[in-house]
């Protein structure tokens, strides 16, 4: 079989697997690969040595929810997540080269570092622009043993930030531009100095008190500036923070970072200085709950920040960094359950997680369109027969009062999201105050696919009866 026909066959099978994952709402093969023949075929496909992980990554990167528009500005959010497969220690081989230790030095699994592309204008997901997936080799030297600080960036795990940037540049459509967004782990001089170009800006949360060309440290420079504005920010609750309206103070300025002197021999190919804008965001003490740390961000960016409007846009974009946390939530326990999969090799697990990222983006897109911001059609996620069933469900989901009615255009994605959210347990009282989240959407999609399967079976049954009677 030629390479072209082989790739075409692989793509066809990937499309079928994605359809099965979507129908089941889970990555657990026993649930989405129904029937012995299909189940055996799925296992063989995921373990087949000719089905290369690199091809699957390219396949996922090629799938976009909607095409990029000419001249569009895209945000690419990067982050890393660990996937724990301790429960498979009795199934996986001890010498499996695709499984390694996680950060606690006890659990086993691997790490993923995707780039999630969203529209800068609305936050609507476009797709996955990059993906690095790897594991730390068991028995490899520690950071101290490797003298980590003296290693070039190319030999460090932190090179993932630059790798993701380069992949995203190749993924970006001609004529478009992008801003790469990262958290404190992304505050790396090599990254700040090498990644920006005529089509690429960066937005990174500062981690280190860096030295500036003025001779001052970043802390000292910012302390000289007065607060220039204030705003309220709605904070989502999590394990570390209470849900609240945070009162924030803002200041901004332009700076030049100086190349770290202790590593100059490693950084010879990089410029001596990097020009950036910095926006500082600090929560006012009055809005900080007792026992919690205040919100405090120092955001580096290559975008010019000269006005309050500029600063607020940078804060807005950085706040959207949480979309990738939602992507990871959809992948894991309460969503697609990738950590509960039971494939017998680390490589098969990596392939499965890669495929699941495409489904996770779809769920995220459904959540983002819950307010009808983009007026997308439901065709983006649901086929025509599924939309027909959504019409049936809509009558069941709606109540008698106006607040209990689906307010969106029929067969729009927002209309479909409303129905799925109600299926997932959301109460349609006030969409703006308590909109449904990704877990609600993920749960609702599972219930939808279960009921849709029953509906299709019923239609087929009555069609057969009708045919027999004639």
Protein backbone atom coordinates (compact mmCIF):
# COMPACT_ATOMS: atom_id res chain seq x y z
CA UNK A 1 0.00 0.00 0.00
CA UNK A 2 1.38 3.45 -0.94
CA UNK A 3 2.07 6.11 1.69
CA UNK A 4 -0.76 8.33 0.39
CA UNK A 5 -3.41 5.62 0.52
CA UNK A 6 -2.17 4.52 3.95
CA UNK A 7 -2.55 8.06 5.30
CA UNK A 8 -6.00 8.33 3.76
CA UNK A 9 -7.05 5.09 5.45
CA UNK A 10 -5.58 6.28 8.78
CA UNK A 11 -7.47 9.56 8.50
CA UNK A 12 -10.70 7.71 7.77
CA UNK A 13 -10.26 5.57 10.87
CA UNK A 14 -9.40 8.63 12.98
CA UNK A 15 -12.63 10.29 11.86
CA UNK A 16 -14.57 7.18 12.89
CA UNK A 17 -12.84 7.09 16.29
CA UNK A 18 -13.65 10.76 16.87
CA UNK A 19 -17.28 10.12 15.98
CA UNK A 20 -17.35 7.24 18.48
CA UNK A 21 -15.71 9.35 21.19
CA UNK A 22 -18.21 12.12 20.53
CA UNK A 23 -21.15 9.72 20.66
CA UNK A 24 -20.03 8.19 23.96
CA UNK A 25 -18.59 11.27 25.68
CA UNK A 26 -15.71 9.24 27.10
CA UNK A 27 -12.25 8.03 26.09
CA UNK A 28 -12.68 4.66 27.83
CA UNK A 29 -12.49 2.22 24.93
CA UNK A 30 -14.95 -0.31 26.40
CA UNK A 31 -17.64 2.38 26.23
CA UNK A 32 -16.99 3.99 22.83
CA UNK A 33 -15.93 0.93 20.79
CA UNK A 34 -19.13 -1.11 20.92
CA UNK A 35 -19.11 -4.71 19.74
CA UNK A 36 -16.20 -7.16 19.78
CA UNK A 37 -15.11 -6.46 16.19
CA UNK A 38 -15.07 -2.68 16.62
CA UNK A 39 -13.39 -2.97 20.02
CA UNK A 40 -10.64 -5.25 18.69
CA UNK A 41 -10.12 -2.99 15.68
CA UNK A 42 -9.77 0.09 17.89
CA UNK A 43 -7.22 -1.61 20.14
CA UNK A 44 -5.17 -2.78 17.16
CA UNK A 45 -5.29 0.64 15.53
CA UNK A 46 -4.07 2.48 18.63
CA UNK A 47 -1.23 -0.03 19.14
CA UNK A 48 -0.20 -0.34 15.48
CA UNK A 49 3.43 0.81 15.00
CA UNK A 50 2.63 2.35 11.59
CA UNK A 51 0.10 4.72 13.19
CA UNK A 52 2.64 7.34 14.17
CA UNK A 53 1.99 9.80 17.00
CA UNK A 54 3.37 12.60 14.80
CA UNK A 55 0.69 11.96 12.19
CA UNK A 56 -2.06 12.03 14.81
CA UNK A 57 -0.73 15.35 16.12
CA UNK A 58 -0.79 16.78 12.59
CA UNK A 59 -4.33 15.46 12.15
CA UNK A 60 -5.54 17.19 15.32
CA UNK A 61 -3.79 20.45 14.40
CA UNK A 62 -5.45 20.37 10.97
CA UNK A 63 -8.94 20.38 12.48
CA UNK A 64 -10.32 23.88 13.11
CA UNK A 65 -13.78 24.70 14.42
CA UNK A 66 -14.06 27.47 11.81
CA UNK A 67 -11.45 28.68 9.29
CA UNK A 68 -9.15 31.55 10.22
CA UNK A 69 -10.24 34.81 8.60
CA UNK A 70 -7.79 36.79 6.42
CA UNK A 71 -5.78 39.15 8.62
CA UNK A 72 -7.29 37.69 11.81
CA UNK A 73 -5.62 38.08 15.20
CA UNK A 74 -5.39 34.74 17.03
CA UNK A 75 -4.47 34.12 20.68
CA UNK A 76 -2.56 30.91 21.41
CA UNK A 77 -2.65 29.84 25.07
CA UNK A 78 0.07 27.44 26.19
CA UNK A 79 0.29 25.32 29.33
CA UNK A 80 1.41 21.93 30.62
CA UNK A 81 -0.64 19.20 32.28
CA UNK A 82 0.40 15.88 33.82
CA UNK A 83 -1.60 12.73 33.10
CA UNK A 84 -1.45 10.11 35.83
CA UNK A 85 -1.64 6.40 34.93
CA UNK A 86 -0.69 4.85 38.27
CA UNK A 87 -3.72 2.57 38.02
CA UNK A 88 -2.11 0.85 35.02
CA UNK A 89 1.14 -0.09 36.77
CA UNK A 90 0.11 -3.76 36.70
CA UNK A 91 -0.80 -3.62 33.02
CA UNK A 92 1.98 -1.49 31.54
CA UNK A 93 5.42 -3.03 31.16
CA UNK A 94 8.03 -1.82 33.64
CA UNK A 95 10.37 -0.87 30.78
CA UNK A 96 7.72 1.00 28.74
CA UNK A 97 9.68 3.91 27.22
CA UNK A 98 6.56 6.11 26.94
CA UNK A 99 5.75 6.17 30.66
CA UNK A 100 7.80 8.00 33.28
CA UNK A 101 7.74 9.69 36.65
CA UNK A 102 5.60 12.76 37.28
CA UNK A 103 6.46 15.78 39.41
CA UNK A 104 5.88 14.02 42.74
CA UNK A 105 8.60 11.46 41.80
CA UNK A 106 6.19 8.66 42.70
CA UNK A 107 3.32 8.65 40.21
CA UNK A 108 3.76 7.47 36.64
CA UNK A 109 2.40 8.90 33.39
CA UNK A 110 3.37 11.56 30.88
CA UNK A 111 2.95 15.27 30.16
CA UNK A 112 1.21 17.26 27.44
CA UNK A 113 1.82 20.86 26.39
CA UNK A 114 -0.79 22.01 23.85
CA UNK A 115 -1.34 25.38 22.26
CA UNK A 116 -5.04 26.29 22.34
CA UNK A 117 -5.90 28.79 19.59
CA UNK A 118 -8.83 31.16 20.15
CA UNK A 119 -10.13 34.24 18.36
CA UNK A 120 -8.73 37.41 19.93
CA UNK A 121 -11.98 39.26 19.23
CA UNK A 122 -14.37 36.85 20.97
CA UNK A 123 -12.45 34.05 22.70
CA UNK A 124 -14.12 31.43 20.48
CA UNK A 125 -11.89 28.32 20.16
CA UNK A 126 -10.34 27.61 16.77
CA UNK A 127 -8.38 24.45 17.50
CA UNK A 128 -5.04 23.04 18.64
CA UNK A 129 -2.10 24.89 17.06
CA UNK A 130 0.69 22.86 18.69
CA UNK A 131 1.26 19.83 20.85
CA UNK A 132 4.29 18.46 22.67
CA UNK A 133 3.79 15.18 24.50
CA UNK A 134 6.57 13.43 26.44
CA UNK A 135 7.55 11.58 29.60
CA UNK A 136 10.48 11.91 31.98
CA UNK A 137 12.64 8.84 31.76
CA UNK A 138 12.69 6.76 34.92
CA UNK A 139 16.18 6.88 36.43
CA UNK A 140 17.24 10.03 34.57
CA UNK A 141 19.44 12.53 36.47
CA UNK A 142 17.76 15.17 38.62
CA UNK A 143 17.97 18.90 37.87
CA UNK A 144 20.76 19.24 40.42
CA UNK A 145 22.69 16.29 38.99
CA UNK A 146 22.40 17.76 35.48
CA UNK A 147 23.46 21.23 36.68
CA UNK A 148 20.27 22.49 35.10
CA UNK A 149 21.17 26.19 35.21
CA UNK A 150 24.16 25.60 32.94
CA UNK A 151 22.23 23.68 30.28
CA UNK A 152 21.18 25.39 27.02
CA UNK A 153 17.44 25.89 26.61
CA UNK A 154 17.33 23.25 23.85
CA UNK A 155 18.31 20.56 26.39
CA UNK A 156 15.72 21.59 28.97
CA UNK A 157 12.09 20.62 29.35
CA UNK A 158 11.27 24.34 29.27
CA UNK A 159 12.11 24.30 25.55
CA UNK A 160 8.47 23.23 25.17
CA UNK A 161 7.49 26.93 25.19
CA UNK A 162 9.66 27.69 22.18
CA UNK A 163 8.68 24.44 20.43
CA UNK A 164 5.01 25.32 20.87
CA UNK A 165 5.62 28.81 19.51
CA UNK A 166 7.38 27.48 16.40
CA UNK A 167 4.65 24.92 15.74
CA UNK A 168 2.00 27.62 16.12
CA UNK A 169 3.82 29.89 13.68
CA UNK A 170 3.72 27.09 11.10
CA UNK A 171 0.02 26.47 11.86
CA UNK A 172 -0.99 30.14 11.56
CA UNK A 173 -2.73 30.99 8.30
CA UNK A 174 -0.96 33.36 5.87
CA UNK A 175 -1.83 36.97 6.60
CA UNK A 176 -2.93 36.23 10.18
CA UNK A 177 -1.06 37.23 13.32
CA UNK A 178 -1.01 35.81 16.83
CA UNK A 179 -0.25 36.52 20.45
CA UNK A 180 1.20 33.66 22.51
CA UNK A 181 0.03 33.60 26.15
CA UNK A 182 1.79 31.83 29.02
CA UNK A 183 1.92 31.78 32.82
CA UNK A 184 4.90 32.34 35.15
CA UNK A 185 6.69 29.19 33.98
CA UNK A 186 6.90 30.87 30.57
CA UNK A 187 9.04 33.74 31.95
CA UNK A 188 12.25 32.64 30.20
CA UNK A 189 14.73 35.10 28.69
CA UNK A 190 15.45 32.89 25.68
CA UNK A 191 11.72 32.78 24.91
CA UNK A 192 11.18 36.52 25.40
CA UNK A 193 14.15 37.33 23.19
CA UNK A 194 13.64 34.88 20.32
CA UNK A 195 9.94 34.18 19.77
CA UNK A 196 8.44 37.59 18.82
CA UNK A 197 8.50 38.54 15.14
CA UNK A 198 6.48 40.58 12.66
CA UNK A 199 3.46 38.23 13.02
CA UNK A 200 4.00 37.04 16.58
CA UNK A 201 3.51 38.89 19.88
CA UNK A 202 3.85 37.46 23.37
CA UNK A 203 2.04 37.89 26.69
CA UNK A 204 3.77 36.29 29.67
CA UNK A 205 3.21 36.58 33.40
CA UNK A 206 6.45 37.63 35.09
CA UNK A 207 7.97 35.26 37.62
CA UNK A 208 11.39 36.78 38.36
CA UNK A 209 12.43 40.20 39.61
CA UNK A 210 14.50 40.92 36.52
CA UNK A 211 17.13 43.59 36.02
CA UNK A 212 16.27 46.47 33.68
CA UNK A 213 18.42 48.68 31.45
CA UNK A 214 17.87 51.54 33.93
CA UNK A 215 19.94 49.63 36.48
CA UNK A 216 16.86 49.03 38.63
CA UNK A 217 15.09 45.76 39.30
CA UNK A 218 11.51 45.33 38.04
CA UNK A 219 10.12 45.73 41.58
CA UNK A 220 11.95 49.02 42.05
CA UNK A 221 10.84 50.38 38.68
CA UNK A 222 7.17 49.62 39.31
CA UNK A 223 7.21 50.92 42.88
CA UNK A 224 8.02 54.38 41.54
CA UNK A 225 4.82 54.48 39.50
CA UNK A 226 1.39 55.46 40.88
CA UNK A 227 -1.65 53.28 40.31
CA UNK A 228 -3.30 54.58 37.15
CA UNK A 229 -6.71 52.87 37.11
CA UNK A 230 -9.02 50.44 38.90
CA UNK A 231 -11.46 47.77 37.72
CA UNK A 232 -13.63 44.97 39.01
CA UNK A 233 -12.88 41.41 37.91
CA UNK A 234 -15.12 38.38 38.43
CA UNK A 235 -12.98 35.59 39.91
CA UNK A 236 -13.98 31.95 39.42
CA UNK A 237 -13.73 29.88 42.56
CA UNK A 238 -11.29 26.95 42.74
CA UNK A 239 -9.19 25.07 45.30
CA UNK A 240 -7.02 28.15 45.94
CA UNK A 241 -9.43 31.07 45.51
CA UNK A 242 -12.95 31.99 46.56
CA UNK A 243 -15.42 33.10 43.94
CA UNK A 244 -15.75 36.86 44.23
CA UNK A 245 -15.65 40.24 42.57
CA UNK A 246 -12.03 41.34 42.95
CA UNK A 247 -11.20 45.06 43.06
CA UNK A 248 -8.01 45.53 41.06
CA UNK A 249 -5.54 48.38 40.66
CA UNK A 250 -3.54 48.85 37.44
CA UNK A 251 -0.35 50.52 36.33
CA UNK A 252 1.72 50.14 33.16
CA UNK A 253 4.99 51.27 31.62
CA UNK A 254 7.61 50.39 28.98
CA UNK A 255 10.81 48.60 30.02
CA UNK A 256 13.97 47.00 28.66
CA UNK A 257 15.00 43.68 30.18
CA UNK A 258 18.72 43.01 30.41
CA UNK A 259 20.27 39.67 29.52
CA UNK A 260 20.99 37.69 32.74
CA UNK A 261 24.68 38.19 33.50
CA UNK A 262 25.16 34.79 35.17
CA UNK A 263 24.27 32.97 31.95
CA UNK A 264 25.77 35.27 29.32
CA UNK A 265 27.93 32.50 27.87
CA UNK A 266 24.75 30.46 27.25
CA UNK A 267 22.85 33.42 25.84
CA UNK A 268 25.47 34.74 23.40
CA UNK A 269 23.16 34.41 20.39
CA UNK A 270 20.39 36.47 22.03
CA UNK A 271 20.20 40.30 22.14
CA UNK A 272 21.51 42.11 25.22
CA UNK A 273 18.16 43.80 25.84
CA UNK A 274 14.50 43.03 25.16
CA UNK A 275 11.94 45.85 24.87
CA UNK A 276 8.58 45.10 26.45
CA UNK A 277 5.54 46.73 28.00
CA UNK A 278 4.55 45.63 31.49
CA UNK A 279 1.09 45.82 33.07
CA UNK A 280 0.89 45.34 36.83
CA UNK A 281 -2.39 44.16 38.33
CA UNK A 282 -2.83 44.04 42.11
CA UNK A 283 -5.94 43.27 44.13
CA UNK A 284 -7.03 45.86 46.66
CA UNK A 285 -6.82 44.48 50.23
CA UNK A 286 -10.53 45.18 50.84
CA UNK A 287 -11.63 42.48 48.37
CA UNK A 288 -9.17 39.75 49.45
CA UNK A 289 -10.85 36.99 51.54
CA UNK A 290 -9.19 36.20 54.85
CA UNK A 291 -6.45 33.62 54.51
CA UNK A 292 -6.02 34.06 50.74
CA UNK A 293 -3.28 35.70 48.73
CA UNK A 294 -4.30 38.74 46.66
CA UNK A 295 -4.32 38.56 42.87
CA UNK A 296 -1.01 40.02 41.67
CA UNK A 297 0.04 39.83 38.04
CA UNK A 298 2.94 41.46 36.25
CA UNK A 299 2.32 40.91 32.57
CA UNK A 300 5.09 41.26 29.98
CA UNK A 301 3.98 41.87 26.41
CA UNK A 302 5.39 42.99 23.08
CA UNK A 303 2.16 44.88 22.41
CA UNK A 304 2.45 48.60 23.02
CA UNK A 305 0.61 49.63 26.19
CA UNK A 306 0.17 53.40 26.36
CA UNK A 307 -3.44 53.84 27.48
CA UNK A 308 -5.95 52.36 29.90
CA UNK A 309 -7.70 50.72 26.94
CA UNK A 310 -4.44 48.99 25.97
CA UNK A 311 -3.87 47.79 29.53
CA UNK A 312 -7.42 46.46 29.94
CA UNK A 313 -7.11 44.47 26.71
CA UNK A 314 -3.91 42.82 27.97
CA UNK A 315 -5.64 41.93 31.27
CA UNK A 316 -8.64 40.54 29.38
CA UNK A 317 -6.47 38.33 27.20
CA UNK A 318 -4.48 37.04 30.16
CA UNK A 319 -7.70 36.22 31.99
CA UNK A 320 -8.63 34.03 29.02
CA UNK A 321 -5.58 31.90 29.85
CA UNK A 322 -7.97 29.92 32.05
CA UNK A 323 -9.55 28.48 28.89
CA UNK A 324 -6.70 26.00 28.68
CA UNK A 325 -7.34 24.95 32.28
CA UNK A 326 -10.91 24.23 31.19
CA UNK A 327 -9.53 22.22 28.26
CA UNK A 328 -7.58 20.04 30.71
CA UNK A 329 -10.68 19.65 32.90
CA UNK A 330 -12.65 18.37 29.91
CA UNK A 331 -9.89 15.85 29.17
CA UNK A 332 -9.75 14.46 32.69
CA UNK A 333 -11.97 12.93 35.38
CA UNK A 334 -15.23 14.84 34.96
CA UNK A 335 -15.01 15.01 31.17
CA UNK A 336 -13.49 12.56 28.68
CA UNK A 337 -11.75 10.55 31.45
CA UNK A 338 -8.42 10.09 29.65
CA UNK A 339 -6.69 9.15 32.91
CA UNK A 340 -9.09 6.20 33.31
CA UNK A 341 -8.21 4.63 29.97
CA UNK A 342 -6.81 1.08 29.99
CA UNK A 343 -4.65 0.75 26.90
CA UNK A 344 -1.65 -1.50 27.44
CA UNK A 345 1.19 0.78 26.28
CA UNK A 346 2.25 4.35 26.94
CA UNK A 347 2.34 5.10 23.21
CA UNK A 348 -1.28 3.97 22.74
CA UNK A 349 -2.29 6.21 25.65
CA UNK A 350 -0.45 9.16 24.10
CA UNK A 351 -2.26 8.57 20.80
CA UNK A 352 -5.62 8.44 22.56
CA UNK A 353 -5.00 11.67 24.48
CA UNK A 354 -3.95 13.39 21.25
CA UNK A 355 -7.19 12.39 19.52
CA UNK A 356 -9.24 13.43 22.56
CA UNK A 357 -7.90 16.97 22.36
CA UNK A 358 -9.95 17.50 19.19
CA UNK A 359 -13.13 16.45 21.02
CA UNK A 360 -12.23 18.60 24.04
CA UNK A 361 -11.96 21.68 21.80
CA UNK A 362 -15.46 20.99 20.49
CA UNK A 363 -16.86 20.93 24.03
CA UNK A 364 -15.00 24.15 24.83
CA UNK A 365 -16.45 25.77 21.69
CA UNK A 366 -19.95 24.76 22.80
CA UNK A 367 -19.36 26.38 26.20
CA UNK A 368 -17.98 29.57 24.63
CA UNK A 369 -21.01 30.02 22.38
CA UNK A 370 -23.49 29.72 25.27
CA UNK A 371 -24.30 33.45 24.99
CA UNK A 372 -24.58 33.46 21.20
CA UNK A 373 -21.66 35.87 20.79
CA UNK A 374 -20.65 34.69 17.31
CA UNK A 375 -24.06 33.62 15.96
CA UNK A 376 -22.54 30.32 14.80
CA UNK A 377 -24.79 27.64 13.33
CA UNK A 378 -25.23 24.35 15.18
CA UNK A 379 -23.66 22.63 12.13
CA UNK A 380 -20.32 23.43 13.75
CA UNK A 381 -20.90 20.61 16.26
CA UNK A 382 -24.11 18.75 15.34
CA UNK A 383 -25.26 17.14 12.08
CA UNK A 384 -28.78 17.64 10.71
CA UNK A 385 -30.28 14.51 12.29
CA UNK A 386 -28.83 15.46 15.68
CA UNK A 387 -30.34 18.92 15.30
CA UNK A 388 -33.71 17.34 14.55
CA UNK A 389 -33.48 15.50 17.86
CA UNK A 390 -32.39 18.71 19.60
CA UNK A 391 -35.71 20.22 18.42
CA UNK A 392 -37.51 17.35 20.12
CA UNK A 393 -35.51 17.81 23.32
CA UNK A 394 -35.97 21.58 23.29
CA UNK A 395 -39.73 21.19 23.78
CA UNK A 396 -39.05 18.91 26.75
CA UNK A 397 -36.40 21.19 28.29
CA UNK A 398 -38.33 24.46 28.08
CA UNK A 399 -40.58 25.61 30.93
CA UNK A 400 -43.62 27.87 30.96
CA UNK A 401 -42.01 31.18 31.96
CA UNK A 402 -39.96 33.40 29.66
CA UNK A 403 -36.76 32.72 31.65
CA UNK A 404 -37.29 29.01 31.09
CA UNK A 405 -37.53 29.39 27.29
CA UNK A 406 -34.61 28.87 24.94
CA UNK A 407 -33.84 32.47 23.83
CA UNK A 408 -31.63 31.65 20.85
CA UNK A 409 -32.20 31.22 17.13
CA UNK A 410 -33.23 27.62 16.32
CA UNK A 411 -30.37 25.57 14.88
CA UNK A 412 -27.79 28.05 16.14
CA UNK A 413 -24.93 26.76 18.28
CA UNK A 414 -26.10 28.89 21.22
CA UNK A 415 -29.56 27.28 20.92
CA UNK A 416 -27.96 23.83 20.99
CA UNK A 417 -25.68 24.82 23.90
CA UNK A 418 -28.74 25.91 25.92
CA UNK A 419 -30.37 22.49 25.44
CA UNK A 420 -27.18 20.57 26.24
CA UNK A 421 -26.59 22.69 29.36
CA UNK A 422 -30.09 21.95 30.70
CA UNK A 423 -29.47 18.25 30.05
CA UNK A 424 -26.25 18.62 32.05
CA UNK A 425 -28.11 19.93 35.10
CA UNK A 426 -27.99 23.70 34.53
CA UNK A 427 -31.10 25.71 35.49
CA UNK A 428 -31.96 28.44 32.95
CA UNK A 429 -32.74 31.29 35.34
CA UNK A 430 -30.18 33.95 34.44
CA UNK A 431 -27.59 33.10 31.82
CA UNK A 432 -25.44 36.17 32.49
CA UNK A 433 -25.05 35.56 36.24
CA UNK A 434 -24.52 31.80 36.24
CA UNK A 435 -23.74 30.52 32.76
CA UNK A 436 -23.03 26.79 32.31
CA UNK A 437 -19.41 25.63 32.47
CA UNK A 438 -17.41 23.04 30.56
CA UNK A 439 -18.18 20.17 32.93
CA UNK A 440 -21.91 20.86 32.66
CA UNK A 441 -21.54 20.89 28.86
CA UNK A 442 -19.51 17.68 28.90
CA UNK A 443 -22.06 15.95 31.12
CA UNK A 444 -24.93 17.27 28.99
CA UNK A 445 -23.32 15.96 25.80
CA UNK A 446 -23.05 12.50 27.36
CA UNK A 447 -26.76 12.51 28.22
CA UNK A 448 -27.60 13.87 24.77
CA UNK A 449 -25.70 11.11 22.95
CA UNK A 450 -27.28 8.42 25.12
CA UNK A 451 -30.80 9.67 24.40
CA UNK A 452 -29.99 10.30 20.75
CA UNK A 453 -28.87 6.68 20.33
CA UNK A 454 -32.19 5.51 21.72
CA UNK A 455 -34.07 7.91 19.46
CA UNK A 456 -32.25 6.65 16.37
CA UNK A 457 -32.98 3.05 17.36
CA UNK A 458 -36.67 3.89 17.77
CA UNK A 459 -36.79 5.59 14.35
CA UNK A 460 -35.14 2.58 12.75
CA UNK A 461 -37.59 0.22 14.48
CA UNK A 462 -40.67 2.12 13.33
CA UNK A 463 -39.22 2.43 9.82
CA UNK A 464 -38.81 -1.34 9.66
CA UNK A 465 -42.38 -1.84 10.85
CA UNK A 466 -43.59 0.60 8.21
CA UNK A 467 -41.63 -1.18 5.49
CA UNK A 468 -42.96 -4.58 6.58
CA UNK A 469 -46.53 -3.37 6.57
CA UNK A 470 -46.24 -2.17 3.01
